[in-house]
Amino acid sequence: MFGVRPVARAGLETGVCDRFSIVMEQGGNRLVLTSGVAPDSPIARHAALHGDGAQGFGSGNTRRCSAVEREQERRGNI
């Protein structure tokens, strides 16, 4: 949707028991969205205390090296 696609996730299915995270990507921009799974997790406690919010902003060059990019295109991953 809107050119944004999920590229990674972590949660119960990947062995992370206290939160669910998904990485969304559009071009070279990435956004990690995280939610607490259990009501006593640090993320859920923070949301209960402060409401929805954002934390941990950063920027940098996320461009892949050309050899990796070519291999991913060859495999159909891009």
PDB file of N, CA and C in Angstrom:
ATOM      1  N   MET A   1       0.848  -1.170   0.000  1.00  0.00           N
ATOM      2  CA  MET A   1       0.000   0.000   0.000  1.00  0.00           C
ATOM      3  C   MET A   1       0.894   1.233   0.000  1.00  0.00           C
ATOM      4  N   PHE A   2       0.638   2.186  -0.870  1.00  0.00           N
ATOM      5  CA  PHE A   2       1.386   3.437  -0.977  1.00  0.00           C
ATOM      6  C   PHE A   2       2.866   3.195  -1.258  1.00  0.00           C
ATOM      7  N   GLY A   3       3.211   2.068  -1.868  1.00  0.00           N
ATOM      8  CA  GLY A   3       4.606   1.773  -2.170  1.00  0.00           C
ATOM      9  C   GLY A   3       5.411   1.293  -0.982  1.00  0.00           C
ATOM     10  N   VAL A   4       4.762   1.066   0.147  1.00  0.00           N
ATOM     11  CA  VAL A   4       5.445   0.582   1.344  1.00  0.00           C
ATOM     12  C   VAL A   4       5.229  -0.926   1.422  1.00  0.00           C
ATOM     13  N   ARG A   5       6.327  -1.654   1.672  1.00  0.00           N
ATOM     14  CA  ARG A   5       6.193  -3.114   1.721  1.00  0.00           C
ATOM     15  C   ARG A   5       6.892  -3.664   2.967  1.00  0.00           C
ATOM     16  N   PRO A   6       6.357  -4.737   3.527  1.00  0.00           N
ATOM     17  CA  PRO A   6       7.015  -5.360   4.676  1.00  0.00           C
ATOM     18  C   PRO A   6       8.248  -6.124   4.206  1.00  0.00           C
ATOM     19  N   VAL A   7       9.368  -5.965   4.921  1.00  0.00           N
ATOM     20  CA  VAL A   7      10.598  -6.657   4.525  1.00  0.00           C
ATOM     21  C   VAL A   7      11.144  -7.570   5.617  1.00  0.00           C
ATOM     22  N   ALA A   8      10.684  -7.425   6.858  1.00  0.00           N
ATOM     23  CA  ALA A   8      11.148  -8.293   7.941  1.00  0.00           C
ATOM     24  C   ALA A   8      10.144  -8.247   9.076  1.00  0.00           C
ATOM     25  N   ARG A   9      10.184  -9.274   9.898  1.00  0.00           N
ATOM     26  CA  ARG A   9       9.302  -9.306  11.063  1.00  0.00           C
ATOM     27  C   ARG A   9       9.941 -10.113  12.180  1.00  0.00           C
ATOM     28  N   ALA A  10       9.520  -9.824  13.380  1.00  0.00           N
ATOM     29  CA  ALA A  10       9.948 -10.586  14.553  1.00  0.00           C
ATOM     30  C   ALA A  10       8.737 -10.716  15.464  1.00  0.00           C
ATOM     31  N   GLY A  11       8.606 -11.848  16.084  1.00  0.00           N
ATOM     32  CA  GLY A  11       7.473 -12.082  16.976  1.00  0.00           C
ATOM     33  C   GLY A  11       7.490 -13.519  17.449  1.00  0.00           C
ATOM     34  N   LEU A  12       6.339 -13.989  17.880  1.00  0.00           N
ATOM     35  CA  LEU A  12       6.255 -15.348  18.416  1.00  0.00           C
ATOM     36  C   LEU A  12       6.763 -16.385  17.431  1.00  0.00           C
ATOM     37  N   GLU A  13       6.468 -16.190  16.123  1.00  0.00           N
ATOM     38  CA  GLU A  13       6.885 -17.179  15.120  1.00  0.00           C
ATOM     39  C   GLU A  13       8.393 -17.188  14.884  1.00  0.00           C
ATOM     40  N   THR A  14       9.096 -16.139  15.322  1.00  0.00           N
ATOM     41  CA  THR A  14      10.555 -16.090  15.160  1.00  0.00           C
ATOM     42  C   THR A  14      11.290 -16.232  16.492  1.00  0.00           C
ATOM     43  N   GLY A  15      10.550 -16.541  17.555  1.00  0.00           N
ATOM     44  CA  GLY A  15      11.174 -16.769  18.857  1.00  0.00           C
ATOM     45  C   GLY A  15      11.250 -15.545  19.753  1.00  0.00           C
ATOM     46  N   VAL A  16      10.696 -14.416  19.313  1.00  0.00           N
ATOM     47  CA  VAL A  16      10.660 -13.207  20.149  1.00  0.00           C
ATOM     48  C   VAL A  16       9.312 -13.213  20.874  1.00  0.00           C
ATOM     49  N   CYS A  17       9.350 -13.398  22.181  1.00  0.00           N
ATOM     50  CA  CYS A  17       8.118 -13.659  22.923  1.00  0.00           C
ATOM     51  C   CYS A  17       7.440 -12.432  23.514  1.00  0.00           C
ATOM     52  N   ASP A  18       8.149 -11.307  23.651  1.00  0.00           N
ATOM     53  CA  ASP A  18       7.553 -10.173  24.362  1.00  0.00           C
ATOM     54  C   ASP A  18       7.050  -9.051  23.463  1.00  0.00           C
ATOM     55  N   ARG A  19       7.275  -9.175  22.132  1.00  0.00           N
ATOM     56  CA  ARG A  19       6.838  -8.097  21.239  1.00  0.00           C
ATOM     57  C   ARG A  19       6.679  -8.634  19.817  1.00  0.00           C
ATOM     58  N   PHE A  20       5.972  -7.850  19.011  1.00  0.00           N
ATOM     59  CA  PHE A  20       5.860  -8.118  17.580  1.00  0.00           C
ATOM     60  C   PHE A  20       6.380  -6.886  16.858  1.00  0.00           C
ATOM     61  N   SER A  21       7.312  -7.079  15.951  1.00  0.00           N
ATOM     62  CA  SER A  21       7.867  -5.968  15.181  1.00  0.00           C
ATOM     63  C   SER A  21       7.800  -6.300  13.702  1.00  0.00           C
ATOM     64  N   ILE A  22       7.572  -5.291  12.898  1.00  0.00           N
ATOM     65  CA  ILE A  22       7.586  -5.446  11.451  1.00  0.00           C
ATOM     66  C   ILE A  22       8.362  -4.278  10.858  1.00  0.00           C
ATOM     67  N   VAL A  23       9.208  -4.571   9.889  1.00  0.00           N
ATOM     68  CA  VAL A  23       9.988  -3.540   9.207  1.00  0.00           C
ATOM     69  C   VAL A  23       9.295  -3.256   7.880  1.00  0.00           C
ATOM     70  N   MET A  24       8.937  -2.005   7.666  1.00  0.00           N
ATOM     71  CA  MET A  24       8.321  -1.563   6.428  1.00  0.00           C
ATOM     72  C   MET A  24       9.342  -0.742   5.658  1.00  0.00           C
ATOM     73  N   GLU A  25       9.361  -0.893   4.332  1.00  0.00           N
ATOM     74  CA  GLU A  25      10.351  -0.195   3.526  1.00  0.00           C
ATOM     75  C   GLU A  25       9.686   0.473   2.327  1.00  0.00           C
ATOM     76  N   GLN A  26      10.173   1.657   2.017  1.00  0.00           N
ATOM     77  CA  GLN A  26       9.765   2.377   0.810  1.00  0.00           C
ATOM     78  C   GLN A  26      11.015   3.060   0.279  1.00  0.00           C
ATOM     79  N   GLY A  27      11.502   2.596  -0.871  1.00  0.00           N
ATOM     80  CA  GLY A  27      12.760   3.117  -1.386  1.00  0.00           C
ATOM     81  C   GLY A  27      13.874   2.779  -0.418  1.00  0.00           C
ATOM     82  N   GLY A  28      14.650   3.761  -0.013  1.00  0.00           N
ATOM     83  CA  GLY A  28      15.719   3.539   0.947  1.00  0.00           C
ATOM     84  C   GLY A  28      15.305   3.822   2.373  1.00  0.00           C
ATOM     85  N   ASN A  29      14.030   4.072   2.615  1.00  0.00           N
ATOM     86  CA  ASN A  29      13.539   4.399   3.959  1.00  0.00           C
ATOM     87  C   ASN A  29      12.947   3.170   4.616  1.00  0.00           C
ATOM     88  N   ARG A  30      13.290   2.991   5.887  1.00  0.00           N
ATOM     89  CA  ARG A  30      12.750   1.869   6.659  1.00  0.00           C
ATOM     90  C   ARG A  30      12.109   2.381   7.937  1.00  0.00           C
ATOM     91  N   LEU A  31      11.026   1.734   8.312  1.00  0.00           N
ATOM     92  CA  LEU A  31      10.301   2.075   9.528  1.00  0.00           C
ATOM     93  C   LEU A  31      10.024   0.781  10.272  1.00  0.00           C
ATOM     94  N   VAL A  32      10.395   0.723  11.554  1.00  0.00           N
ATOM     95  CA  VAL A  32      10.134  -0.451  12.375  1.00  0.00           C
ATOM     96  C   VAL A  32       8.951  -0.132  13.282  1.00  0.00           C
ATOM     97  N   LEU A  33       7.897  -0.927  13.171  1.00  0.00           N
ATOM     98  CA  LEU A  33       6.711  -0.779  14.016  1.00  0.00           C
ATOM     99  C   LEU A  33       6.722  -1.920  15.022  1.00  0.00           C
ATOM    100  N   THR A  34       6.549  -1.598  16.305  1.00  0.00           N
ATOM    101  CA  THR A  34       6.623  -2.612  17.359  1.00  0.00           C
ATOM    102  C   THR A  34       5.443  -2.485  18.296  1.00  0.00           C
ATOM    103  N   SER A  35       4.926  -3.627  18.703  1.00  0.00           N
ATOM    104  CA  SER A  35       3.813  -3.677  19.654  1.00  0.00           C
ATOM    105  C   SER A  35       4.123  -4.736  20.707  1.00  0.00           C
ATOM    106  N   GLY A  36       3.721  -4.480  21.937  1.00  0.00           N
ATOM    107  CA  GLY A  36       3.897  -5.465  22.998  1.00  0.00           C
ATOM    108  C   GLY A  36       2.916  -6.605  22.838  1.00  0.00           C
ATOM    109  N   VAL A  37       3.350  -7.824  23.174  1.00  0.00           N
ATOM    110  CA  VAL A  37       2.481  -8.994  23.076  1.00  0.00           C
ATOM    111  C   VAL A  37       1.748  -9.225  24.398  1.00  0.00           C
ATOM    112  N   ALA A  38       2.492  -9.179  25.489  1.00  0.00           N
ATOM    113  CA  ALA A  38       1.904  -9.401  26.816  1.00  0.00           C
ATOM    114  C   ALA A  38       1.676  -8.049  27.496  1.00  0.00           C
ATOM    115  N   PRO A  39       0.637  -7.943  28.316  1.00  0.00           N
ATOM    116  CA  PRO A  39       0.350  -6.661  28.960  1.00  0.00           C
ATOM    117  C   PRO A  39       1.440  -6.191  29.921  1.00  0.00           C
ATOM    118  N   ASP A  40       2.297  -7.103  30.375  1.00  0.00           N
ATOM    119  CA  ASP A  40       3.364  -6.703  31.298  1.00  0.00           C
ATOM    120  C   ASP A  40       4.719  -6.492  30.604  1.00  0.00           C
ATOM    121  N   SER A  41       4.722  -6.497  29.263  1.00  0.00           N
ATOM    122  CA  SER A  41       5.980  -6.250  28.547  1.00  0.00           C
ATOM    123  C   SER A  41       6.340  -4.771  28.658  1.00  0.00           C
ATOM    124  N   PRO A  42       7.625  -4.434  28.568  1.00  0.00           N
ATOM    125  CA  PRO A  42       8.036  -3.031  28.662  1.00  0.00           C
ATOM    126  C   PRO A  42       7.354  -2.144  27.616  1.00  0.00           C
ATOM    127  N   ILE A  43       7.144  -2.663  26.435  1.00  0.00           N
ATOM    128  CA  ILE A  43       6.506  -1.881  25.375  1.00  0.00           C
ATOM    129  C   ILE A  43       5.036  -1.626  25.710  1.00  0.00           C
ATOM    130  N   ALA A  44       4.328  -2.653  26.167  1.00  0.00           N
ATOM    131  CA  ALA A  44       2.912  -2.485  26.532  1.00  0.00           C
ATOM    132  C   ALA A  44       2.773  -1.560  27.739  1.00  0.00           C
ATOM    133  N   ARG A  45       3.677  -1.674  28.712  1.00  0.00           N
ATOM    134  CA  ARG A  45       3.623  -0.773  29.876  1.00  0.00           C
ATOM    135  C   ARG A  45       3.843   0.674  29.448  1.00  0.00           C
ATOM    136  N   HIS A  46       4.792   0.904  28.545  1.00  0.00           N
ATOM    137  CA  HIS A  46       5.047   2.258  28.057  1.00  0.00           C
ATOM    138  C   HIS A  46       3.804   2.815  27.347  1.00  0.00           C
ATOM    139  N   ALA A  47       3.185   1.998  26.491  1.00  0.00           N
ATOM    140  CA  ALA A  47       1.988   2.448  25.778  1.00  0.00           C
ATOM    141  C   ALA A  47       0.839   2.719  26.743  1.00  0.00           C
ATOM    142  N   ALA A  48       0.689   1.888  27.782  1.00  0.00           N
ATOM    143  CA  ALA A  48      -0.378   2.107  28.758  1.00  0.00           C
ATOM    144  C   ALA A  48      -0.152   3.397  29.543  1.00  0.00           C
ATOM    145  N   LEU A  49       1.091   3.703  29.822  1.00  0.00           N
ATOM    146  CA  LEU A  49       1.422   4.888  30.602  1.00  0.00           C
ATOM    147  C   LEU A  49       1.383   6.176  29.772  1.00  0.00           C
ATOM    148  N   HIS A  50       1.888   6.108  28.541  1.00  0.00           N
ATOM    149  CA  HIS A  50       2.053   7.320  27.731  1.00  0.00           C
ATOM    150  C   HIS A  50       1.189   7.370  26.485  1.00  0.00           C
ATOM    151  N   GLY A  51       0.523   6.290  26.129  1.00  0.00           N
ATOM    152  CA  GLY A  51      -0.223   6.240  24.874  1.00  0.00           C
ATOM    153  C   GLY A  51       0.715   5.898  23.723  1.00  0.00           C
ATOM    154  N   ASP A  52       0.176   5.909  22.529  1.00  0.00           N
ATOM    155  CA  ASP A  52       1.004   5.617  21.350  1.00  0.00           C
ATOM    156  C   ASP A  52       2.122   6.633  21.257  1.00  0.00           C
ATOM    157  N   GLY A  53       3.225   6.217  20.698  1.00  0.00           N
ATOM    158  CA  GLY A  53       4.342   7.142  20.576  1.00  0.00           C
ATOM    159  C   GLY A  53       5.395   6.626  19.629  1.00  0.00           C
ATOM    160  N   ALA A  54       6.448   7.370  19.539  1.00  0.00           N
ATOM    161  CA  ALA A  54       7.572   7.014  18.674  1.00  0.00           C
ATOM    162  C   ALA A  54       8.857   7.142  19.466  1.00  0.00           C
ATOM    163  N   GLN A  55       9.810   6.310  19.116  1.00  0.00           N
ATOM    164  CA  GLN A  55      11.078   6.311  19.839  1.00  0.00           C
ATOM    165  C   GLN A  55      12.176   5.822  18.909  1.00  0.00           C
ATOM    166  N   GLY A  56      13.363   6.304  19.101  1.00  0.00           N
ATOM    167  CA  GLY A  56      14.532   5.792  18.401  1.00  0.00           C
ATOM    168  C   GLY A  56      14.605   6.121  16.928  1.00  0.00           C
ATOM    169  N   PHE A  57      14.670   7.372  16.576  1.00  0.00           N
ATOM    170  CA  PHE A  57      14.790   7.766  15.182  1.00  0.00           C
ATOM    171  C   PHE A  57      16.249   7.756  14.758  1.00  0.00           C
ATOM    172  N   GLY A  58      16.489   7.440  13.520  1.00  0.00           N
ATOM    173  CA  GLY A  58      17.847   7.471  12.983  1.00  0.00           C
ATOM    174  C   GLY A  58      17.790   7.620  11.483  1.00  0.00           C
ATOM    175  N   SER A  59      18.912   7.944  10.913  1.00  0.00           N
ATOM    176  CA  SER A  59      18.986   8.025   9.457  1.00  0.00           C
ATOM    177  C   SER A  59      20.350   7.530   9.013  1.00  0.00           C
ATOM    178  N   GLY A  60      20.417   7.120   7.805  1.00  0.00           N
ATOM    179  CA  GLY A  60      21.670   6.626   7.256  1.00  0.00           C
ATOM    180  C   GLY A  60      21.447   6.100   5.859  1.00  0.00           C
ATOM    181  N   ASN A  61      22.503   5.672   5.243  1.00  0.00           N
ATOM    182  CA  ASN A  61      22.420   5.142   3.897  1.00  0.00           C
ATOM    183  C   ASN A  61      22.060   3.671   3.980  1.00  0.00           C
ATOM    184  N   THR A  62      20.888   3.308   3.486  1.00  0.00           N
ATOM    185  CA  THR A  62      20.446   1.917   3.532  1.00  0.00           C
ATOM    186  C   THR A  62      20.563   1.240   2.173  1.00  0.00           C
ATOM    187  N   ARG A  63      21.214   1.886   1.221  1.00  0.00           N
ATOM    188  CA  ARG A  63      21.373   1.282  -0.112  1.00  0.00           C
ATOM    189  C   ARG A  63      22.213   0.016  -0.016  1.00  0.00           C
ATOM    190  N   ARG A  64      21.773  -0.993  -0.718  1.00  0.00           N
ATOM    191  CA  ARG A  64      22.503  -2.259  -0.746  1.00  0.00           C
ATOM    192  C   ARG A  64      23.681  -2.146  -1.709  1.00  0.00           C
ATOM    193  N   CYS A  65      24.689  -2.947  -1.464  1.00  0.00           N
ATOM    194  CA  CYS A  65      25.802  -2.960  -2.416  1.00  0.00           C
ATOM    195  C   CYS A  65      25.293  -3.577  -3.713  1.00  0.00           C
ATOM    196  N   SER A  66      25.854  -3.181  -4.822  1.00  0.00           N
ATOM    197  CA  SER A  66      25.321  -3.566  -6.130  1.00  0.00           C
ATOM    198  C   SER A  66      25.361  -5.074  -6.353  1.00  0.00           C
ATOM    199  N   ALA A  67      26.370  -5.778  -5.857  1.00  0.00           N
ATOM    200  CA  ALA A  67      26.440  -7.234  -6.056  1.00  0.00           C
ATOM    201  C   ALA A  67      25.286  -7.928  -5.345  1.00  0.00           C
ATOM    202  N   VAL A  68      24.987  -7.512  -4.129  1.00  0.00           N
ATOM    203  CA  VAL A  68      23.868  -8.097  -3.380  1.00  0.00           C
ATOM    204  C   VAL A  68      22.558  -7.761  -4.076  1.00  0.00           C
ATOM    205  N   GLU A  69      22.421  -6.520  -4.523  1.00  0.00           N
ATOM    206  CA  GLU A  69      21.205  -6.093  -5.208  1.00  0.00           C
ATOM    207  C   GLU A  69      20.989  -6.913  -6.489  1.00  0.00           C
ATOM    208  N   ARG A  70      22.039  -7.131  -7.264  1.00  0.00           N
ATOM    209  CA  ARG A  70      21.915  -7.928  -8.496  1.00  0.00           C
ATOM    210  C   ARG A  70      21.498  -9.365  -8.179  1.00  0.00           C
ATOM    211  N   GLU A  71      22.077  -9.939  -7.133  1.00  0.00           N
ATOM    212  CA  GLU A  71      21.719 -11.313  -6.761  1.00  0.00           C
ATOM    213  C   GLU A  71      20.269 -11.396  -6.304  1.00  0.00           C
ATOM    214  N   GLN A  72      19.826 -10.420  -5.552  1.00  0.00           N
ATOM    215  CA  GLN A  72      18.435 -10.434  -5.108  1.00  0.00           C
ATOM    216  C   GLN A  72      17.483 -10.258  -6.281  1.00  0.00           C
ATOM    217  N   GLU A  73      17.840  -9.418  -7.235  1.00  0.00           N
ATOM    218  CA  GLU A  73      17.016  -9.262  -8.440  1.00  0.00           C
ATOM    219  C   GLU A  73      16.981 -10.579  -9.215  1.00  0.00           C
ATOM    220  N   ARG A  74      18.145 -11.239  -9.333  1.00  0.00           N
ATOM    221  CA  ARG A  74      18.197 -12.519 -10.038  1.00  0.00           C
ATOM    222  C   ARG A  74      17.271 -13.541  -9.399  1.00  0.00           C
ATOM    223  N   ARG A  75      17.221 -13.544  -8.079  1.00  0.00           N
ATOM    224  CA  ARG A  75      16.359 -14.493  -7.353  1.00  0.00           C
ATOM    225  C   ARG A  75      14.901 -14.057  -7.312  1.00  0.00           C
ATOM    226  N   GLY A  76      14.617 -12.843  -7.750  1.00  0.00           N
ATOM    227  CA  GLY A  76      13.247 -12.342  -7.714  1.00  0.00           C
ATOM    228  C   GLY A  76      12.849 -11.774  -6.377  1.00  0.00           C
ATOM    229  N   ASN A  77      13.828 -11.431  -5.525  1.00  0.00           N
ATOM    230  CA  ASN A  77      13.528 -10.896  -4.197  1.00  0.00           C
ATOM    231  C   ASN A  77      13.306  -9.398  -4.205  1.00  0.00           C
ATOM    232  N   ILE A  78      13.621  -8.730  -5.303  1.00  0.00           N
ATOM    233  CA  ILE A  78      13.420  -7.272  -5.377  1.00  0.00           C
ATOM    234  C   ILE A  78      12.362  -6.999  -6.407  1.00  0.00           C
TER     235      ILE A  78
END
